[in-house]
Structure formats: C-alpha cells, structure tokens
Amino acid sequence: MAEKKAILVIDSALDLNADGEALATLKKKAAVLPNADCAGLADIAAKLGAVKADAAGLAAALETKEETVLVLAEGEGALAAALEAADRRTLIAVAASNGVAFYGLAINGKAGVVERAVTAADVALTIATIADLAIDGSCTAAVIYQVMKNPNLKLDEIKKLKEAIARMESVINRDNREPWDKHDCA
C-alpha cells in the first residue's frame, strides 16, 4: 500500500484570491477556510515531525522516508512545487495571508469556502488525521471535518482492515490449500 504524504505550504505573502496558474489549479478543487489564524503553524508542524524543504527540494523530501511524511515548504514558488510533486495519495495544505486551503487526499473539492473559524492547531490536527501522523496527548484541537470528503474516514479504514483480516483468517482456517497447491512455492 502506498503511504500517504502531506505537504504544508506556508507563505504569508500569498493571497488565495490572487491570480496565477498554481492558484487557479489549487482553487479548482480546494476547500478554503478564510477565517483561519495560522500563527505558530510551522512550530506545530515541526512537533509533528515535518521535514523542511524549499521549492526545489520538495519532491526529494517526499521520498526521504518509508512511512508517512509531512513536508513543510515555505516561501514563494512552494505552492507550484507542491502541486507538481503531489500524487493521489498526497494532501496539500496552504497557509496564506488570508486563510488556509486544503487540497488533495480526502478533501472535498466541492466544499468551496468554509466559513468556520480555525486555529493553527486545528489545521495541524486535520493534516495529522488525514495523513496518519502521530499526535501527543496534550492535543486540544478539533479536526476540520467540513473540508473532508468523508468525516468517517478513519472508521471506514478500520472497517476495511477488519474485513481483510476476516478474509485472511477464513483462508487460513480452510482445510484445503487449493489456491496455493498450484504453485511450487507452497
């Protein structure tokens, strides 16, 4: 199974309402939270184990680990690089001067503008929840379910895993090994 990836782009000079090729791509399928206070988001991302990268090294940073990775990219050009490096298993969160935009993995691209007020801790927890990053027990933030395709994302993942385990157990408990008897490796 391909691991989930998350990219957090922080650019205080970026305006989500501005024009540009990267912004146009982002806004097509992004959920935007204009009432976001992102003060301290970089510090919280560091506590989640974020790997810092510039726009040029973003793709390489995504490949640095076998497990889920959160990459923190700051500054001009980071958004375009993040969109370029992303695949279907990548969540992109963009913290700009006038809000936060979520794009990609598990995000409802039709959510549009969500008027909920959120903090940096809420943004970080939402990223951690979607990308399967570990959080500590002192977390008091809330997941921003309004931007997600499926608010029951984790319950559905657990259900699929339980079903897979049940199928494997039923195969193991069978007396015959028919599927494996056809191969020399059995």
C-alpha atoms as a PDB file:
ATOM      1  CA  MET A   1       0.000   0.000   0.000  1.00  0.00           C
ATOM      2  CA  ALA A   2       1.364   3.374  -0.950  1.00  0.00           C
ATOM      3  CA  GLU A   3       1.947   5.619   2.009  1.00  0.00           C
ATOM      4  CA  LYS A   4       0.170   8.885   2.496  1.00  0.00           C
ATOM      5  CA  LYS A   5       2.080  12.111   2.083  1.00  0.00           C
ATOM      6  CA  ALA A   6       1.286  15.608   3.308  1.00  0.00           C
ATOM      7  CA  ILE A   7       2.687  18.932   2.195  1.00  0.00           C
ATOM      8  CA  LEU A   8       2.183  22.063   4.261  1.00  0.00           C
ATOM      9  CA  VAL A   9       2.927  25.241   2.340  1.00  0.00           C
ATOM     10  CA  ILE A  10       3.289  28.367   4.468  1.00  0.00           C
ATOM     11  CA  ASP A  11       3.569  31.637   2.573  1.00  0.00           C
ATOM     12  CA  SER A  12       2.439  34.776   4.386  1.00  0.00           C
ATOM     13  CA  ALA A  13       2.867  36.768   1.163  1.00  0.00           C
ATOM     14  CA  LEU A  14       0.471  34.516  -0.768  1.00  0.00           C
ATOM     15  CA  ASP A  15      -3.071  35.739  -1.360  1.00  0.00           C
ATOM     16  CA  LEU A  16      -5.572  32.930  -2.021  1.00  0.00           C
ATOM     17  CA  ASN A  17      -7.736  35.351  -4.022  1.00  0.00           C
ATOM     18  CA  ALA A  18      -4.929  36.375  -6.374  1.00  0.00           C
ATOM     19  CA  ASP A  19      -4.439  35.155  -9.923  1.00  0.00           C
ATOM     20  CA  GLY A  20      -1.824  32.708 -11.051  1.00  0.00           C
ATOM     21  CA  GLU A  21      -1.513  29.285 -12.625  1.00  0.00           C
ATOM     22  CA  ALA A  22      -0.764  27.434  -9.382  1.00  0.00           C
ATOM     23  CA  LEU A  23      -3.529  29.264  -7.504  1.00  0.00           C
ATOM     24  CA  ALA A  24      -6.023  28.510 -10.278  1.00  0.00           C
ATOM     25  CA  THR A  25      -5.162  24.802 -10.062  1.00  0.00           C
ATOM     26  CA  LEU A  26      -5.463  24.879  -6.291  1.00  0.00           C
ATOM     27  CA  LYS A  27      -8.788  26.720  -6.236  1.00  0.00           C
ATOM     28  CA  LYS A  28     -10.442  24.301  -8.699  1.00  0.00           C
ATOM     29  CA  LYS A  29     -10.616  21.530  -6.109  1.00  0.00           C
ATOM     30  CA  ALA A  30      -9.695  23.108  -2.794  1.00  0.00           C
ATOM     31  CA  ALA A  31     -11.655  23.708   0.366  1.00  0.00           C
ATOM     32  CA  VAL A  32     -10.814  27.209   1.580  1.00  0.00           C
ATOM     33  CA  LEU A  33     -11.079  28.474   5.159  1.00  0.00           C
ATOM     34  CA  PRO A  34     -10.771  32.278   5.096  1.00  0.00           C
ATOM     35  CA  ASN A  35     -11.270  32.585   8.874  1.00  0.00           C
ATOM     36  CA  ALA A  36      -8.036  30.820   9.794  1.00  0.00           C
ATOM     37  CA  ASP A  37      -5.472  32.010  12.296  1.00  0.00           C
ATOM     38  CA  CYS A  38      -2.261  30.187  11.349  1.00  0.00           C
ATOM     39  CA  ALA A  39       0.099  31.799  13.855  1.00  0.00           C
ATOM     40  CA  GLY A  40       2.530  29.155  15.059  1.00  0.00           C
ATOM     41  CA  LEU A  41       1.637  26.577  12.413  1.00  0.00           C
ATOM     42  CA  ALA A  42       5.283  25.984  11.452  1.00  0.00           C
ATOM     43  CA  ASP A  43       6.156  25.191  15.071  1.00  0.00           C
ATOM     44  CA  ILE A  44       3.257  22.752  15.393  1.00  0.00           C
ATOM     45  CA  ALA A  45       4.258  21.091  12.110  1.00  0.00           C
ATOM     46  CA  ALA A  46       7.787  20.673  13.488  1.00  0.00           C
ATOM     47  CA  LYS A  47       6.327  18.852  16.506  1.00  0.00           C
ATOM     48  CA  LEU A  48       4.529  16.519  14.082  1.00  0.00           C
ATOM     49  CA  GLY A  49       7.906  15.682  12.577  1.00  0.00           C
ATOM     50  CA  ALA A  50       7.757  17.852   9.483  1.00  0.00           C
ATOM     51  CA  VAL A  51      10.695  17.735   7.130  1.00  0.00           C
ATOM     52  CA  LYS A  52      11.604  21.220   5.909  1.00  0.00           C
ATOM     53  CA  ALA A  53      12.242  21.698   2.216  1.00  0.00           C
ATOM     54  CA  ASP A  54      12.441  24.540  -0.238  1.00  0.00           C
ATOM     55  CA  ALA A  55      10.557  24.549  -3.532  1.00  0.00           C
ATOM     56  CA  ALA A  56      13.447  22.868  -5.365  1.00  0.00           C
ATOM     57  CA  GLY A  57      13.844  20.030  -2.855  1.00  0.00           C
ATOM     58  CA  LEU A  58      10.187  19.268  -2.255  1.00  0.00           C
ATOM     59  CA  ALA A  59       9.949  16.124  -4.408  1.00  0.00           C
ATOM     60  CA  ALA A  60      13.121  14.693  -2.864  1.00  0.00           C
ATOM     61  CA  ALA A  61      11.837  15.403   0.659  1.00  0.00           C
ATOM     62  CA  LEU A  62       8.689  13.398  -0.028  1.00  0.00           C
ATOM     63  CA  GLU A  63      10.839  10.355  -0.784  1.00  0.00           C
ATOM     64  CA  THR A  64      13.030  10.574   2.330  1.00  0.00           C
ATOM     65  CA  LYS A  65      11.065   8.111   4.459  1.00  0.00           C
ATOM     66  CA  GLU A  66       9.227   4.828   4.002  1.00  0.00           C
ATOM     67  CA  GLU A  67       6.399   5.860   6.328  1.00  0.00           C
ATOM     68  CA  THR A  68       4.083   8.820   6.078  1.00  0.00           C
ATOM     69  CA  VAL A  69       5.922  12.101   5.764  1.00  0.00           C
ATOM     70  CA  LEU A  70       4.898  15.715   6.299  1.00  0.00           C
ATOM     71  CA  VAL A  71       6.918  18.247   4.330  1.00  0.00           C
ATOM     72  CA  LEU A  72       6.954  21.897   5.342  1.00  0.00           C
ATOM     73  CA  ALA A  73       7.678  24.219   2.431  1.00  0.00           C
ATOM     74  CA  GLU A  74       7.840  27.954   2.901  1.00  0.00           C
ATOM     75  CA  GLY A  75       8.062  30.900   0.582  1.00  0.00           C
ATOM     76  CA  GLU A  76       7.497  31.859  -2.990  1.00  0.00           C
ATOM     77  CA  GLY A  77       7.248  29.037  -5.503  1.00  0.00           C
ATOM     78  CA  ALA A  78       6.438  26.403  -2.885  1.00  0.00           C
ATOM     79  CA  LEU A  79       2.797  26.098  -3.969  1.00  0.00           C
ATOM     80  CA  ALA A  80       3.657  25.352  -7.599  1.00  0.00           C
ATOM     81  CA  ALA A  81       6.318  22.848  -6.491  1.00  0.00           C
ATOM     82  CA  ALA A  82       3.849  21.179  -4.092  1.00  0.00           C
ATOM     83  CA  LEU A  83       1.222  20.775  -6.802  1.00  0.00           C
ATOM     84  CA  GLU A  84       3.880  19.359  -9.134  1.00  0.00           C
ATOM     85  CA  ALA A  85       5.180  16.848  -6.554  1.00  0.00           C
ATOM     86  CA  ALA A  86       1.742  15.679  -5.377  1.00  0.00           C
ATOM     87  CA  ASP A  87       0.037  12.478  -6.411  1.00  0.00           C
ATOM     88  CA  ARG A  88      -3.330  10.952  -5.477  1.00  0.00           C
ATOM     89  CA  ARG A  89      -2.027   9.976  -2.014  1.00  0.00           C
ATOM     90  CA  THR A  90      -0.878  13.498  -1.136  1.00  0.00           C
ATOM     91  CA  LEU A  91      -2.639  16.086   0.998  1.00  0.00           C
ATOM     92  CA  ILE A  92      -1.686  19.716   0.425  1.00  0.00           C
ATOM     93  CA  ALA A  93      -2.486  22.416   2.981  1.00  0.00           C
ATOM     94  CA  VAL A  94      -1.677  26.006   2.061  1.00  0.00           C
ATOM     95  CA  ALA A  95      -1.486  28.629   4.804  1.00  0.00           C
ATOM     96  CA  ALA A  96      -1.629  32.061   3.179  1.00  0.00           C
ATOM     97  CA  SER A  97      -2.135  35.628   4.332  1.00  0.00           C
ATOM     98  CA  ASN A  98      -5.903  35.362   4.042  1.00  0.00           C
ATOM     99  CA  GLY A  99      -6.713  31.817   5.095  1.00  0.00           C
ATOM    100  CA  VAL A 100      -5.970  28.152   4.597  1.00  0.00           C
ATOM    101  CA  ALA A 101      -6.737  25.915   1.627  1.00  0.00           C
ATOM    102  CA  PHE A 102      -6.847  22.109   1.725  1.00  0.00           C
ATOM    103  CA  TYR A 103      -6.352  20.150  -1.492  1.00  0.00           C
ATOM    104  CA  GLY A 104      -5.914  16.516  -2.479  1.00  0.00           C
ATOM    105  CA  LEU A 105      -6.167  13.352  -0.394  1.00  0.00           C
ATOM    106  CA  ALA A 106      -9.540  13.012   1.422  1.00  0.00           C
ATOM    107  CA  ILE A 107     -10.519  16.636   0.742  1.00  0.00           C
ATOM    108  CA  ASN A 108     -13.932  17.537  -0.622  1.00  0.00           C
ATOM    109  CA  GLY A 109     -13.068  19.660  -3.632  1.00  0.00           C
ATOM    110  CA  LYS A 110     -16.675  20.807  -3.844  1.00  0.00           C
ATOM    111  CA  ALA A 111     -16.711  22.221  -0.313  1.00  0.00           C
ATOM    112  CA  GLY A 112     -15.692  25.625  -1.633  1.00  0.00           C
ATOM    113  CA  VAL A 113     -15.389  28.280   1.052  1.00  0.00           C
ATOM    114  CA  VAL A 114     -15.980  27.082   4.620  1.00  0.00           C
ATOM    115  CA  GLU A 115     -16.687  29.963   6.992  1.00  0.00           C
ATOM    116  CA  ARG A 116     -15.631  28.100  10.135  1.00  0.00           C
ATOM    117  CA  ALA A 117     -13.019  29.859  12.280  1.00  0.00           C
ATOM    118  CA  VAL A 118      -9.979  27.636  12.799  1.00  0.00           C
ATOM    119  CA  THR A 119      -6.623  27.856  14.520  1.00  0.00           C
ATOM    120  CA  ALA A 120      -3.183  26.569  13.585  1.00  0.00           C
ATOM    121  CA  ALA A 121      -3.726  23.626  15.940  1.00  0.00           C
ATOM    122  CA  ASP A 122      -6.938  22.684  14.095  1.00  0.00           C
ATOM    123  CA  VAL A 123      -5.136  22.797  10.747  1.00  0.00           C
ATOM    124  CA  ALA A 124      -2.286  20.644  12.073  1.00  0.00           C
ATOM    125  CA  LEU A 125      -4.637  18.093  13.636  1.00  0.00           C
ATOM    126  CA  THR A 126      -6.614  17.812  10.402  1.00  0.00           C
ATOM    127  CA  ILE A 127      -3.394  17.163   8.480  1.00  0.00           C
ATOM    128  CA  ALA A 128      -2.301  14.600  11.084  1.00  0.00           C
ATOM    129  CA  THR A 129      -5.664  12.830  10.993  1.00  0.00           C
ATOM    130  CA  ILE A 130      -5.806  12.524   7.219  1.00  0.00           C
ATOM    131  CA  ALA A 131      -2.130  11.628   6.754  1.00  0.00           C
ATOM    132  CA  ASP A 132      -1.911   9.228   9.738  1.00  0.00           C
ATOM    133  CA  LEU A 133       0.643  11.242  11.692  1.00  0.00           C
ATOM    134  CA  ALA A 134       1.091  10.666  15.419  1.00  0.00           C
ATOM    135  CA  ILE A 135      -0.133  13.330  17.846  1.00  0.00           C
ATOM    136  CA  ASP A 136       0.526  13.689  21.556  1.00  0.00           C
ATOM    137  CA  GLY A 137      -1.920  13.534  24.433  1.00  0.00           C
ATOM    138  CA  SER A 138      -1.897  17.266  25.035  1.00  0.00           C
ATOM    139  CA  CYS A 139      -3.745  17.994  21.791  1.00  0.00           C
ATOM    140  CA  THR A 140      -6.860  20.114  22.335  1.00  0.00           C
ATOM    141  CA  ALA A 141      -7.573  20.968  18.692  1.00  0.00           C
ATOM    142  CA  ALA A 142     -10.500  19.887  16.539  1.00  0.00           C
ATOM    143  CA  VAL A 143     -10.461  18.137  13.176  1.00  0.00           C
ATOM    144  CA  ILE A 144     -11.929  20.304  10.418  1.00  0.00           C
ATOM    145  CA  TYR A 145     -14.478  17.768   9.184  1.00  0.00           C
ATOM    146  CA  GLN A 146     -16.138  20.341   6.908  1.00  0.00           C
ATOM    147  CA  VAL A 147     -13.275  20.070   4.399  1.00  0.00           C
ATOM    148  CA  MET A 148     -13.223  16.269   4.266  1.00  0.00           C
ATOM    149  CA  LYS A 149     -14.973  14.062   1.709  1.00  0.00           C
ATOM    150  CA  ASN A 150     -15.841  11.553   4.390  1.00  0.00           C
ATOM    151  CA  PRO A 151     -15.962  12.582   8.047  1.00  0.00           C
ATOM    152  CA  ASN A 152     -15.830   8.869   8.954  1.00  0.00           C
ATOM    153  CA  LEU A 153     -12.572   8.347   7.074  1.00  0.00           C
ATOM    154  CA  LYS A 154     -10.786   6.549   9.909  1.00  0.00           C
ATOM    155  CA  LEU A 155     -13.762   4.348  10.786  1.00  0.00           C
ATOM    156  CA  ASP A 156     -14.036   3.259   7.153  1.00  0.00           C
ATOM    157  CA  GLU A 157     -10.299   2.472   7.016  1.00  0.00           C
ATOM    158  CA  ILE A 158     -10.616   0.345  10.171  1.00  0.00           C
ATOM    159  CA  LYS A 159     -13.654  -1.435   8.735  1.00  0.00           C
ATOM    160  CA  LYS A 160     -11.760  -2.327   5.546  1.00  0.00           C
ATOM    161  CA  LEU A 161      -8.836  -3.643   7.570  1.00  0.00           C
ATOM    162  CA  LYS A 162     -11.127  -5.782   9.732  1.00  0.00           C
ATOM    163  CA  GLU A 163     -12.771  -7.218   6.613  1.00  0.00           C
ATOM    164  CA  ALA A 164      -9.354  -8.030   5.138  1.00  0.00           C
ATOM    165  CA  ILE A 165      -8.318  -9.780   8.356  1.00  0.00           C
ATOM    166  CA  ALA A 166     -11.549 -11.802   8.350  1.00  0.00           C
ATOM    167  CA  ARG A 167     -10.903 -12.896   4.748  1.00  0.00           C
ATOM    168  CA  MET A 168      -7.336 -13.914   5.590  1.00  0.00           C
ATOM    169  CA  GLU A 169      -8.470 -15.843   8.665  1.00  0.00           C
ATOM    170  CA  SER A 170     -11.095 -17.713   6.645  1.00  0.00           C
ATOM    171  CA  VAL A 171      -8.453 -18.764   4.115  1.00  0.00           C
ATOM    172  CA  ILE A 172      -6.094 -19.880   6.876  1.00  0.00           C
ATOM    173  CA  ASN A 173      -8.857 -21.847   8.627  1.00  0.00           C
ATOM    174  CA  ARG A 174      -9.834 -23.768   5.491  1.00  0.00           C
ATOM    175  CA  ASP A 175      -8.624 -27.344   5.393  1.00  0.00           C
ATOM    176  CA  ASN A 176      -7.583 -27.189   1.754  1.00  0.00           C
ATOM    177  CA  ARG A 177      -4.828 -25.060   0.312  1.00  0.00           C
ATOM    178  CA  GLU A 178      -6.244 -25.082  -3.189  1.00  0.00           C
ATOM    179  CA  PRO A 179      -5.068 -21.662  -4.372  1.00  0.00           C
ATOM    180  CA  TRP A 180      -1.534 -22.380  -3.159  1.00  0.00           C
ATOM    181  CA  ASP A 181      -1.298 -26.017  -4.323  1.00  0.00           C
ATOM    182  CA  LYS A 182      -0.972 -24.854  -7.910  1.00  0.00           C
ATOM    183  CA  HIS A 183       2.375 -23.192  -7.234  1.00  0.00           C
ATOM    184  CA  ASP A 184       5.749 -24.693  -6.480  1.00  0.00           C
ATOM    185  CA  CYS A 185       6.425 -22.202  -3.717  1.00  0.00           C
ATOM    186  CA  ALA A 186       3.682 -23.597  -1.453  1.00  0.00           C
END
